[in-house]
PDB file of N, CA and C in Angstrom:
ATOM      1  N   MET A   1      12.051  21.300   6.739  1.00  0.00           N
ATOM      2  CA  MET A   1      12.026  19.934   6.236  1.00  0.00           C
ATOM      3  C   MET A   1      11.210  19.082   7.207  1.00  0.00           C
ATOM      4  N   ASN A   2      10.188  18.445   6.709  1.00  0.00           N
ATOM      5  CA  ASN A   2       9.300  17.596   7.502  1.00  0.00           C
ATOM      6  C   ASN A   2       9.933  16.219   7.696  1.00  0.00           C
ATOM      7  N   GLN A   3      10.072  15.785   8.952  1.00  0.00           N
ATOM      8  CA  GLN A   3      10.709  14.505   9.243  1.00  0.00           C
ATOM      9  C   GLN A   3       9.844  13.689  10.181  1.00  0.00           C
ATOM     10  N   PRO A   4       9.933  12.366  10.095  1.00  0.00           N
ATOM     11  CA  PRO A   4       9.163  11.525  11.019  1.00  0.00           C
ATOM     12  C   PRO A   4       9.772  11.568  12.418  1.00  0.00           C
ATOM     13  N   SER A   5       8.932  11.322  13.407  1.00  0.00           N
ATOM     14  CA  SER A   5       9.414  11.282  14.786  1.00  0.00           C
ATOM     15  C   SER A   5      10.183   9.983  15.041  1.00  0.00           C
ATOM     16  N   ALA A   6      10.999   9.987  16.072  1.00  0.00           N
ATOM     17  CA  ALA A   6      11.751   8.789  16.452  1.00  0.00           C
ATOM     18  C   ALA A   6      10.802   7.648  16.797  1.00  0.00           C
ATOM     19  N   GLU A   7       9.686   7.964  17.430  1.00  0.00           N
ATOM     20  CA  GLU A   7       8.693   6.936  17.785  1.00  0.00           C
ATOM     21  C   GLU A   7       8.096   6.308  16.529  1.00  0.00           C
ATOM     22  N   TRP A   8       7.796   7.142  15.544  1.00  0.00           N
ATOM     23  CA  TRP A   8       7.236   6.649  14.285  1.00  0.00           C
ATOM     24  C   TRP A   8       8.230   5.710  13.612  1.00  0.00           C
ATOM     25  N   VAL A   9       9.517   6.116  13.581  1.00  0.00           N
ATOM     26  CA  VAL A   9      10.554   5.290  12.961  1.00  0.00           C
ATOM     27  C   VAL A   9      10.648   3.939  13.672  1.00  0.00           C
ATOM     28  N   GLU A  10      10.648   3.941  14.986  1.00  0.00           N
ATOM     29  CA  GLU A  10      10.744   2.676  15.734  1.00  0.00           C
ATOM     30  C   GLU A  10       9.549   1.777  15.451  1.00  0.00           C
ATOM     31  N   GLN A  11       8.369   2.358  15.376  1.00  0.00           N
ATOM     32  CA  GLN A  11       7.162   1.576  15.062  1.00  0.00           C
ATOM     33  C   GLN A  11       7.278   0.952  13.676  1.00  0.00           C
ATOM     34  N   LYS A  12       7.738   1.720  12.706  1.00  0.00           N
ATOM     35  CA  LYS A  12       7.855   1.217  11.338  1.00  0.00           C
ATOM     36  C   LYS A  12       8.962   0.171  11.215  1.00  0.00           C
ATOM     37  N   LYS A  13      10.033   0.301  11.999  1.00  0.00           N
ATOM     38  CA  LYS A  13      11.094  -0.704  11.989  1.00  0.00           C
ATOM     39  C   LYS A  13      10.559  -2.043  12.499  1.00  0.00           C
ATOM     40  N   LYS A  14       9.666  -2.000  13.484  1.00  0.00           N
ATOM     41  CA  LYS A  14       9.043  -3.231  13.970  1.00  0.00           C
ATOM     42  C   LYS A  14       8.150  -3.847  12.900  1.00  0.00           C
ATOM     43  N   GLU A  15       7.498  -2.996  12.133  1.00  0.00           N
ATOM     44  CA  GLU A  15       6.584  -3.455  11.078  1.00  0.00           C
ATOM     45  C   GLU A  15       7.323  -3.976   9.850  1.00  0.00           C
ATOM     46  N   PHE A  16       8.377  -3.262   9.403  1.00  0.00           N
ATOM     47  CA  PHE A  16       9.031  -3.569   8.129  1.00  0.00           C
ATOM     48  C   PHE A  16      10.468  -4.075   8.242  1.00  0.00           C
ATOM     49  N   GLY A  17      11.088  -3.988   9.398  1.00  0.00           N
ATOM     50  CA  GLY A  17      12.499  -4.344   9.517  1.00  0.00           C
ATOM     51  C   GLY A  17      13.356  -3.136   9.217  1.00  0.00           C
ATOM     52  N   LYS A  18      14.464  -3.349   8.522  1.00  0.00           N
ATOM     53  CA  LYS A  18      15.387  -2.251   8.228  1.00  0.00           C
ATOM     54  C   LYS A  18      14.730  -1.183   7.355  1.00  0.00           C
ATOM     55  N   LEU A  19      15.087   0.061   7.645  1.00  0.00           N
ATOM     56  CA  LEU A  19      14.614   1.206   6.882  1.00  0.00           C
ATOM     57  C   LEU A  19      15.811   2.058   6.501  1.00  0.00           C
ATOM     58  N   ARG A  20      15.629   2.861   5.488  1.00  0.00           N
ATOM     59  CA  ARG A  20      16.625   3.856   5.117  1.00  0.00           C
ATOM     60  C   ARG A  20      15.927   5.188   4.879  1.00  0.00           C
ATOM     61  N   SER A  21      16.709   6.242   4.985  1.00  0.00           N
ATOM     62  CA  SER A  21      16.179   7.568   4.666  1.00  0.00           C
ATOM     63  C   SER A  21      17.148   8.283   3.742  1.00  0.00           C
ATOM     64  N   VAL A  22      16.614   9.192   2.967  1.00  0.00           N
ATOM     65  CA  VAL A  22      17.418  10.013   2.065  1.00  0.00           C
ATOM     66  C   VAL A  22      16.705  11.363   1.919  1.00  0.00           C
ATOM     67  N   VAL A  23      17.490  12.409   1.741  1.00  0.00           N
ATOM     68  CA  VAL A  23      16.938  13.734   1.480  1.00  0.00           C
ATOM     69  C   VAL A  23      17.185  14.043   0.006  1.00  0.00           C
ATOM     70  N   ILE A  24      16.103  14.334  -0.708  1.00  0.00           N
ATOM     71  CA  ILE A  24      16.170  14.696  -2.121  1.00  0.00           C
ATOM     72  C   ILE A  24      15.385  15.988  -2.289  1.00  0.00           C
ATOM     73  N   ALA A  25      16.028  16.988  -2.880  1.00  0.00           N
ATOM     74  CA  ALA A  25      15.393  18.293  -3.119  1.00  0.00           C
ATOM     75  C   ALA A  25      14.782  18.859  -1.837  1.00  0.00           C
ATOM     76  N   GLY A  26      15.484  18.664  -0.724  1.00  0.00           N
ATOM     77  CA  GLY A  26      15.044  19.221   0.552  1.00  0.00           C
ATOM     78  C   GLY A  26      13.954  18.456   1.265  1.00  0.00           C
ATOM     79  N   GLU A  27      13.525  17.337   0.721  1.00  0.00           N
ATOM     80  CA  GLU A  27      12.458  16.526   1.323  1.00  0.00           C
ATOM     81  C   GLU A  27      13.046  15.221   1.847  1.00  0.00           C
ATOM     82  N   THR A  28      12.643  14.824   3.048  1.00  0.00           N
ATOM     83  CA  THR A  28      13.080  13.564   3.629  1.00  0.00           C
ATOM     84  C   THR A  28      12.144  12.452   3.184  1.00  0.00           C
ATOM     85  N   TYR A  29      12.744  11.353   2.726  1.00  0.00           N
ATOM     86  CA  TYR A  29      11.990  10.163   2.344  1.00  0.00           C
ATOM     87  C   TYR A  29      12.514   8.995   3.164  1.00  0.00           C
ATOM     88  N   VAL A  30      11.599   8.203   3.710  1.00  0.00           N
ATOM     89  CA  VAL A  30      11.951   6.973   4.411  1.00  0.00           C
ATOM     90  C   VAL A  30      11.360   5.837   3.598  1.00  0.00           C
ATOM     91  N   TYR A  31      12.171   4.803   3.383  1.00  0.00           N
ATOM     92  CA  TYR A  31      11.703   3.689   2.572  1.00  0.00           C
ATOM     93  C   TYR A  31      12.151   2.363   3.151  1.00  0.00           C
ATOM     94  N   ARG A  32      11.464   1.331   2.693  1.00  0.00           N
ATOM     95  CA  ARG A  32      11.739  -0.050   3.102  1.00  0.00           C
ATOM     96  C   ARG A  32      12.170  -0.845   1.884  1.00  0.00           C
ATOM     97  N   MET A  33      12.575  -2.082   2.118  1.00  0.00           N
ATOM     98  CA  MET A  33      12.947  -2.959   1.006  1.00  0.00           C
ATOM     99  C   MET A  33      11.707  -3.383   0.211  1.00  0.00           C
ATOM    100  N   LEU A  34      11.923  -3.638  -1.065  1.00  0.00           N
ATOM    101  CA  LEU A  34      10.906  -4.216  -1.932  1.00  0.00           C
ATOM    102  C   LEU A  34      11.001  -5.731  -1.791  1.00  0.00           C
ATOM    103  N   SER A  35       9.889  -6.387  -1.500  1.00  0.00           N
ATOM    104  CA  SER A  35       9.915  -7.847  -1.357  1.00  0.00           C
ATOM    105  C   SER A  35       9.907  -8.518  -2.730  1.00  0.00           C
ATOM    106  N   ARG A  36      10.301  -9.759  -2.766  1.00  0.00           N
ATOM    107  CA  ARG A  36      10.304 -10.509  -4.029  1.00  0.00           C
ATOM    108  C   ARG A  36       8.899 -10.590  -4.643  1.00  0.00           C
ATOM    109  N   PRO A  37       7.865 -10.932  -3.863  1.00  0.00           N
ATOM    110  CA  PRO A  37       6.515 -10.960  -4.465  1.00  0.00           C
ATOM    111  C   PRO A  37       6.087  -9.596  -5.012  1.00  0.00           C
ATOM    112  N   GLU A  38       6.429  -8.516  -4.317  1.00  0.00           N
ATOM    113  CA  GLU A  38       6.094  -7.177  -4.818  1.00  0.00           C
ATOM    114  C   GLU A  38       6.828  -6.895  -6.122  1.00  0.00           C
ATOM    115  N   TYR A  39       8.094  -7.263  -6.173  1.00  0.00           N
ATOM    116  CA  TYR A  39       8.889  -7.075  -7.385  1.00  0.00           C
ATOM    117  C   TYR A  39       8.275  -7.836  -8.559  1.00  0.00           C
ATOM    118  N   LEU A  40       7.918  -9.092  -8.340  1.00  0.00           N
ATOM    119  CA  LEU A  40       7.331  -9.894  -9.412  1.00  0.00           C
ATOM    120  C   LEU A  40       5.991  -9.331  -9.874  1.00  0.00           C
ATOM    121  N   GLU A  41       5.212  -8.814  -8.944  1.00  0.00           N
ATOM    122  CA  GLU A  41       3.931  -8.208  -9.306  1.00  0.00           C
ATOM    123  C   GLU A  41       4.154  -6.977 -10.198  1.00  0.00           C
ATOM    124  N   ILE A  42       5.124  -6.153  -9.843  1.00  0.00           N
ATOM    125  CA  ILE A  42       5.439  -4.980 -10.660  1.00  0.00           C
ATOM    126  C   ILE A  42       5.972  -5.408 -12.021  1.00  0.00           C
ATOM    127  N   LEU A  43       6.878  -6.367 -12.026  1.00  0.00           N
ATOM    128  CA  LEU A  43       7.465  -6.859 -13.265  1.00  0.00           C
ATOM    129  C   LEU A  43       6.407  -7.425 -14.205  1.00  0.00           C
ATOM    130  N   ASN A  44       5.486  -8.185 -13.667  1.00  0.00           N
ATOM    131  CA  ASN A  44       4.441  -8.807 -14.483  1.00  0.00           C
ATOM    132  C   ASN A  44       3.419  -7.807 -15.012  1.00  0.00           C
ATOM    133  N   SER A  45       3.388  -6.612 -14.441  1.00  0.00           N
ATOM    134  CA  SER A  45       2.398  -5.621 -14.870  1.00  0.00           C
ATOM    135  C   SER A  45       2.919  -4.697 -15.970  1.00  0.00           C
ATOM    136  N   MET A  46       4.158  -4.914 -16.410  1.00  0.00           N
ATOM    137  CA  MET A  46       4.715  -3.978 -17.383  1.00  0.00           C
ATOM    138  C   MET A  46       5.193  -4.650 -18.656  1.00  0.00           C
ATOM    139  N   ASP A  47       5.307  -3.838 -19.703  1.00  0.00           N
ATOM    140  CA  ASP A  47       5.832  -4.260 -20.994  1.00  0.00           C
ATOM    141  C   ASP A  47       7.282  -3.789 -21.079  1.00  0.00           C
ATOM    142  N   PRO A  48       8.267  -4.710 -21.085  1.00  0.00           N
ATOM    143  CA  PRO A  48       9.669  -4.299 -21.067  1.00  0.00           C
ATOM    144  C   PRO A  48      10.120  -3.549 -22.324  1.00  0.00           C
ATOM    145  N   ASN A  49       9.328  -3.578 -23.383  1.00  0.00           N
ATOM    146  CA  ASN A  49       9.674  -2.877 -24.621  1.00  0.00           C
ATOM    147  C   ASN A  49       9.116  -1.462 -24.665  1.00  0.00           C
ATOM    148  N   ASN A  50       8.472  -1.033 -23.602  1.00  0.00           N
ATOM    149  CA  ASN A  50       7.802   0.253 -23.564  1.00  0.00           C
ATOM    150  C   ASN A  50       8.442   1.121 -22.478  1.00  0.00           C
ATOM    151  N   ARG A  51       9.080   2.216 -22.865  1.00  0.00           N
ATOM    152  CA  ARG A  51       9.763   3.097 -21.897  1.00  0.00           C
ATOM    153  C   ARG A  51       8.793   3.644 -20.855  1.00  0.00           C
ATOM    154  N   ALA A  52       7.589   3.983 -21.257  1.00  0.00           N
ATOM    155  CA  ALA A  52       6.607   4.489 -20.298  1.00  0.00           C
ATOM    156  C   ALA A  52       6.299   3.432 -19.237  1.00  0.00           C
ATOM    157  N   ALA A  53       6.298   2.165 -19.650  1.00  0.00           N
ATOM    158  CA  ALA A  53       6.062   1.089 -18.684  1.00  0.00           C
ATOM    159  C   ALA A  53       7.209   0.991 -17.683  1.00  0.00           C
ATOM    160  N   MET A  54       8.430   1.236 -18.159  1.00  0.00           N
ATOM    161  CA  MET A  54       9.577   1.217 -17.258  1.00  0.00           C
ATOM    162  C   MET A  54       9.464   2.338 -16.222  1.00  0.00           C
ATOM    163  N   ASP A  55       9.039   3.524 -16.672  1.00  0.00           N
ATOM    164  CA  ASP A  55       8.828   4.630 -15.739  1.00  0.00           C
ATOM    165  C   ASP A  55       7.725   4.297 -14.749  1.00  0.00           C
ATOM    166  N   LYS A  56       6.687   3.643 -15.225  1.00  0.00           N
ATOM    167  CA  LYS A  56       5.585   3.237 -14.347  1.00  0.00           C
ATOM    168  C   LYS A  56       6.080   2.234 -13.304  1.00  0.00           C
ATOM    169  N   ALA A  57       7.011   1.362 -13.688  1.00  0.00           N
ATOM    170  CA  ALA A  57       7.583   0.412 -12.731  1.00  0.00           C
ATOM    171  C   ALA A  57       8.310   1.158 -11.620  1.00  0.00           C
ATOM    172  N   ASP A  58       9.053   2.219 -11.975  1.00  0.00           N
ATOM    173  CA  ASP A  58       9.698   3.044 -10.951  1.00  0.00           C
ATOM    174  C   ASP A  58       8.659   3.655 -10.020  1.00  0.00           C
ATOM    175  N   ASP A  59       7.600   4.209 -10.610  1.00  0.00           N
ATOM    176  CA  ASP A  59       6.544   4.826  -9.805  1.00  0.00           C
ATOM    177  C   ASP A  59       5.908   3.808  -8.858  1.00  0.00           C
ATOM    178  N   MET A  60       5.634   2.613  -9.356  1.00  0.00           N
ATOM    179  CA  MET A  60       5.018   1.579  -8.527  1.00  0.00           C
ATOM    180  C   MET A  60       5.955   1.153  -7.398  1.00  0.00           C
ATOM    181  N   THR A  61       7.235   1.030  -7.694  1.00  0.00           N
ATOM    182  CA  THR A  61       8.222   0.680  -6.676  1.00  0.00           C
ATOM    183  C   THR A  61       8.246   1.731  -5.578  1.00  0.00           C
ATOM    184  N   VAL A  62       8.281   2.983  -5.977  1.00  0.00           N
ATOM    185  CA  VAL A  62       8.319   4.087  -5.016  1.00  0.00           C
ATOM    186  C   VAL A  62       7.042   4.119  -4.176  1.00  0.00           C
ATOM    187  N   GLU A  63       5.891   4.001  -4.811  1.00  0.00           N
ATOM    188  CA  GLU A  63       4.636   4.051  -4.068  1.00  0.00           C
ATOM    189  C   GLU A  63       4.479   2.864  -3.127  1.00  0.00           C
ATOM    190  N   THR A  64       5.100   1.743  -3.451  1.00  0.00           N
ATOM    191  CA  THR A  64       5.051   0.558  -2.589  1.00  0.00           C
ATOM    192  C   THR A  64       5.971   0.710  -1.391  1.00  0.00           C
ATOM    193  N   CYS A  65       7.161   1.262  -1.587  1.00  0.00           N
ATOM    194  CA  CYS A  65       8.204   1.210  -0.560  1.00  0.00           C
ATOM    195  C   CYS A  65       8.435   2.489   0.227  1.00  0.00           C
ATOM    196  N   VAL A  66       8.078   3.639  -0.311  1.00  0.00           N
ATOM    197  CA  VAL A  66       8.251   4.875   0.461  1.00  0.00           C
ATOM    198  C   VAL A  66       7.165   4.917   1.537  1.00  0.00           C
ATOM    199  N   ILE A  67       7.613   5.012   2.786  1.00  0.00           N
ATOM    200  CA  ILE A  67       6.656   5.047   3.893  1.00  0.00           C
ATOM    201  C   ILE A  67       6.612   6.415   4.572  1.00  0.00           C
ATOM    202  N   TRP A  68       7.551   7.297   4.203  1.00  0.00           N
ATOM    203  CA  TRP A  68       7.506   8.698   4.626  1.00  0.00           C
ATOM    204  C   TRP A  68       7.941   9.549   3.467  1.00  0.00           C
ATOM    205  N   PRO A  69       7.187  10.522   3.090  1.00  0.00           N
ATOM    206  CA  PRO A  69       5.896  10.915   3.617  1.00  0.00           C
ATOM    207  C   PRO A  69       4.873   9.785   3.514  1.00  0.00           C
ATOM    208  N   GLU A  70       3.990   9.739   4.491  1.00  0.00           N
ATOM    209  CA  GLU A  70       2.996   8.670   4.517  1.00  0.00           C
ATOM    210  C   GLU A  70       2.062   8.776   3.320  1.00  0.00           C
ATOM    211  N   LYS A  71       1.661   7.617   2.801  1.00  0.00           N
ATOM    212  CA  LYS A  71       0.757   7.517   1.642  1.00  0.00           C
ATOM    213  C   LYS A  71       1.293   8.307   0.444  1.00  0.00           C
ATOM    214  N   TYR A  72       2.607   8.232   0.247  1.00  0.00           N
ATOM    215  CA  TYR A  72       3.261   8.961  -0.842  1.00  0.00           C
ATOM    216  C   TYR A  72       2.781   8.454  -2.195  1.00  0.00           C
ATOM    217  N   LYS A  73       2.423   9.375  -3.065  1.00  0.00           N
ATOM    218  CA  LYS A  73       1.987   9.056  -4.425  1.00  0.00           C
ATOM    219  C   LYS A  73       2.788   9.881  -5.419  1.00  0.00           C
ATOM    220  N   VAL A  74       3.164   9.252  -6.511  1.00  0.00           N
ATOM    221  CA  VAL A  74       3.822   9.957  -7.605  1.00  0.00           C
ATOM    222  C   VAL A  74       2.722  10.599  -8.439  1.00  0.00           C
ATOM    223  N   ASP A  75       2.763  11.931  -8.526  1.00  0.00           N
ATOM    224  CA  ASP A  75       1.760  12.646  -9.314  1.00  0.00           C
ATOM    225  C   ASP A  75       2.419  13.840  -9.998  1.00  0.00           C
ATOM    226  N   ASN A  76       1.633  14.712 -10.560  1.00  0.00           N
ATOM    227  CA  ASN A  76       2.163  15.842 -11.330  1.00  0.00           C
ATOM    228  C   ASN A  76       2.851  16.897 -10.473  1.00  0.00           C
ATOM    229  N   THR A  77       2.739  16.803  -9.156  1.00  0.00           N
ATOM    230  CA  THR A  77       3.381  17.788  -8.291  1.00  0.00           C
ATOM    231  C   THR A  77       4.793  17.370  -7.889  1.00  0.00           C
ATOM    232  N   VAL A  78       5.194  16.162  -8.238  1.00  0.00           N
ATOM    233  CA  VAL A  78       6.501  15.624  -7.869  1.00  0.00           C
ATOM    234  C   VAL A  78       7.531  16.004  -8.932  1.00  0.00           C
ATOM    235  N   GLY A  79       8.710  16.420  -8.500  1.00  0.00           N
ATOM    236  CA  GLY A  79       9.785  16.705  -9.447  1.00  0.00           C
ATOM    237  C   GLY A  79      10.069  15.488 -10.311  1.00  0.00           C
ATOM    238  N   ALA A  80      10.332  15.698 -11.571  1.00  0.00           N
ATOM    239  CA  ALA A  80      10.442  14.603 -12.546  1.00  0.00           C
ATOM    240  C   ALA A  80      11.478  13.547 -12.174  1.00  0.00           C
ATOM    241  N   GLY A  81      12.593  13.941 -11.581  1.00  0.00           N
ATOM    242  CA  GLY A  81      13.647  12.978 -11.277  1.00  0.00           C
ATOM    243  C   GLY A  81      13.539  12.310  -9.931  1.00  0.00           C
ATOM    244  N   ILE A  82      12.668  12.806  -9.069  1.00  0.00           N
ATOM    245  CA  ILE A  82      12.585  12.259  -7.709  1.00  0.00           C
ATOM    246  C   ILE A  82      12.182  10.788  -7.695  1.00  0.00           C
ATOM    247  N   PRO A  83      11.135  10.360  -8.410  1.00  0.00           N
ATOM    248  CA  PRO A  83      10.797   8.939  -8.392  1.00  0.00           C
ATOM    249  C   PRO A  83      11.930   8.045  -8.905  1.00  0.00           C
ATOM    250  N   THR A  84      12.654   8.515  -9.918  1.00  0.00           N
ATOM    251  CA  THR A  84      13.765   7.729 -10.463  1.00  0.00           C
ATOM    252  C   THR A  84      14.875   7.573  -9.432  1.00  0.00           C
ATOM    253  N   GLN A  85      15.219   8.655  -8.736  1.00  0.00           N
ATOM    254  CA  GLN A  85      16.232   8.570  -7.687  1.00  0.00           C
ATOM    255  C   GLN A  85      15.787   7.634  -6.564  1.00  0.00           C
ATOM    256  N   LEU A  86      14.544   7.796  -6.132  1.00  0.00           N
ATOM    257  CA  LEU A  86      14.035   6.939  -5.058  1.00  0.00           C
ATOM    258  C   LEU A  86      14.019   5.472  -5.481  1.00  0.00           C
ATOM    259  N   ALA A  87      13.585   5.203  -6.704  1.00  0.00           N
ATOM    260  CA  ALA A  87      13.554   3.818  -7.190  1.00  0.00           C
ATOM    261  C   ALA A  87      14.957   3.226  -7.224  1.00  0.00           C
ATOM    262  N   SER A  88      15.963   4.026  -7.589  1.00  0.00           N
ATOM    263  CA  SER A  88      17.346   3.539  -7.584  1.00  0.00           C
ATOM    264  C   SER A  88      17.802   3.184  -6.176  1.00  0.00           C
ATOM    265  N   HIS A  89      17.485   4.039  -5.220  1.00  0.00           N
ATOM    266  CA  HIS A  89      17.857   3.767  -3.833  1.00  0.00           C
ATOM    267  C   HIS A  89      17.145   2.520  -3.300  1.00  0.00           C
ATOM    268  N   ILE A  90      15.871   2.394  -3.613  1.00  0.00           N
ATOM    269  CA  ILE A  90      15.093   1.238  -3.159  1.00  0.00           C
ATOM    270  C   ILE A  90      15.633  -0.038  -3.792  1.00  0.00           C
ATOM    271  N   SER A  91      15.960   0.014  -5.074  1.00  0.00           N
ATOM    272  CA  SER A  91      16.508  -1.159  -5.762  1.00  0.00           C
ATOM    273  C   SER A  91      17.816  -1.607  -5.127  1.00  0.00           C
ATOM    274  N   GLU A  92      18.691  -0.656  -4.839  1.00  0.00           N
ATOM    275  CA  GLU A  92      19.966  -0.982  -4.201  1.00  0.00           C
ATOM    276  C   GLU A  92      19.737  -1.598  -2.833  1.00  0.00           C
ATOM    277  N   PHE A  93      18.862  -1.008  -2.048  1.00  0.00           N
ATOM    278  CA  PHE A  93      18.553  -1.498  -0.700  1.00  0.00           C
ATOM    279  C   PHE A  93      17.942  -2.895  -0.754  1.00  0.00           C
ATOM    280  N   SER A  94      17.220  -3.178  -1.824  1.00  0.00           N
ATOM    281  CA  SER A  94      16.546  -4.475  -1.986  1.00  0.00           C
ATOM    282  C   SER A  94      17.436  -5.524  -2.629  1.00  0.00           C
ATOM    283  N   GLY A  95      18.685  -5.161  -2.923  1.00  0.00           N
ATOM    284  CA  GLY A  95      19.655  -6.128  -3.420  1.00  0.00           C
ATOM    285  C   GLY A  95      19.815  -6.206  -4.921  1.00  0.00           C
ATOM    286  N   PHE A  96      19.275  -5.258  -5.674  1.00  0.00           N
ATOM    287  CA  PHE A  96      19.341  -5.320  -7.126  1.00  0.00           C
ATOM    288  C   PHE A  96      20.571  -4.682  -7.731  1.00  0.00           C
ATOM    289  N   MET A  97      21.281  -3.831  -6.992  1.00  0.00           N
ATOM    290  CA  MET A  97      22.443  -3.141  -7.539  1.00  0.00           C
ATOM    291  C   MET A  97      23.577  -3.227  -6.538  1.00  0.00           C
ATOM    292  N   ASN A  98      24.800  -3.136  -7.047  1.00  0.00           N
ATOM    293  CA  ASN A  98      25.948  -3.051  -6.158  1.00  0.00           C
ATOM    294  C   ASN A  98      25.974  -1.672  -5.519  1.00  0.00           C
ATOM    295  N   GLN A  99      26.413  -1.596  -4.285  1.00  0.00           N
ATOM    296  CA  GLN A  99      26.405  -0.329  -3.564  1.00  0.00           C
ATOM    297  C   GLN A  99      27.225   0.747  -4.257  1.00  0.00           C
ATOM    298  N   GLY A 100      28.241   0.401  -5.019  1.00  0.00           N
ATOM    299  CA  GLY A 100      29.068   1.389  -5.687  1.00  0.00           C
ATOM    300  C   GLY A 100      28.421   2.042  -6.893  1.00  0.00           C
ATOM    301  N   GLU A 101      27.261   1.562  -7.321  1.00  0.00           N
ATOM    302  CA  GLU A 101      26.635   2.078  -8.528  1.00  0.00           C
ATOM    303  C   GLU A 101      25.877   3.384  -8.320  1.00  0.00           C
ATOM    304  N   ILE A 102      25.485   3.697  -7.092  1.00  0.00           N
ATOM    305  CA  ILE A 102      24.798   4.950  -6.812  1.00  0.00           C
ATOM    306  C   ILE A 102      25.483   5.623  -5.626  1.00  0.00           C
ATOM    307  N   PRO A 103      25.356   6.922  -5.503  1.00  0.00           N
ATOM    308  CA  PRO A 103      26.031   7.605  -4.403  1.00  0.00           C
ATOM    309  C   PRO A 103      25.576   7.057  -3.048  1.00  0.00           C
ATOM    310  N   PRO A 104      26.466   6.980  -2.079  1.00  0.00           N
ATOM    311  CA  PRO A 104      26.135   6.430  -0.758  1.00  0.00           C
ATOM    312  C   PRO A 104      25.437   7.433   0.144  1.00  0.00           C
ATOM    313  N   MET A 105      24.385   8.087  -0.344  1.00  0.00           N
ATOM    314  CA  MET A 105      23.692   9.106   0.431  1.00  0.00           C
ATOM    315  C   MET A 105      22.767   8.529   1.503  1.00  0.00           C
ATOM    316  N   PRO A 106      22.029   7.431   1.235  1.00  0.00           N
ATOM    317  CA  PRO A 106      21.067   6.977   2.237  1.00  0.00           C
ATOM    318  C   PRO A 106      21.772   6.495   3.495  1.00  0.00           C
ATOM    319  N   GLU A 107      21.070   6.670   4.601  1.00  0.00           N
ATOM    320  CA  GLU A 107      21.597   6.148   5.856  1.00  0.00           C
ATOM    321  C   GLU A 107      20.554   5.245   6.493  1.00  0.00           C
ATOM    322  N   GLU A 108      21.016   4.190   7.124  1.00  0.00           N
ATOM    323  CA  GLU A 108      20.108   3.275   7.792  1.00  0.00           C
ATOM    324  C   GLU A 108      19.610   3.918   9.059  1.00  0.00           C
ATOM    325  N   LEU A 109      18.343   3.734   9.351  1.00  0.00           N
ATOM    326  CA  LEU A 109      17.747   4.303  10.562  1.00  0.00           C
ATOM    327  C   LEU A 109      17.727   3.297  11.685  1.00  0.00           C
TER     328      LEU A 109
END
């Protein structure tokens, strides 16, 4: 399992503030909070009546907030449920869901 170094984590905490990590399907992901302007930009780019647009919003959230692996992109090599799980964790961390709504797997770094 590929993990960031302690030095890398400390540098990113200085850059972004609080971070969280979670292991999904054996891969470590480190993410930051989604800011309000980022959220509004994602929201304004989608059609709420289109399910594909909702999935794209998850992908955009993940690509914005996942900082490990570095330059993470959602593509055809990613397991289908991974972006959805990550988006749920990011949403909770960013204040959109109550902590009891998803499993308490992530830990603050």
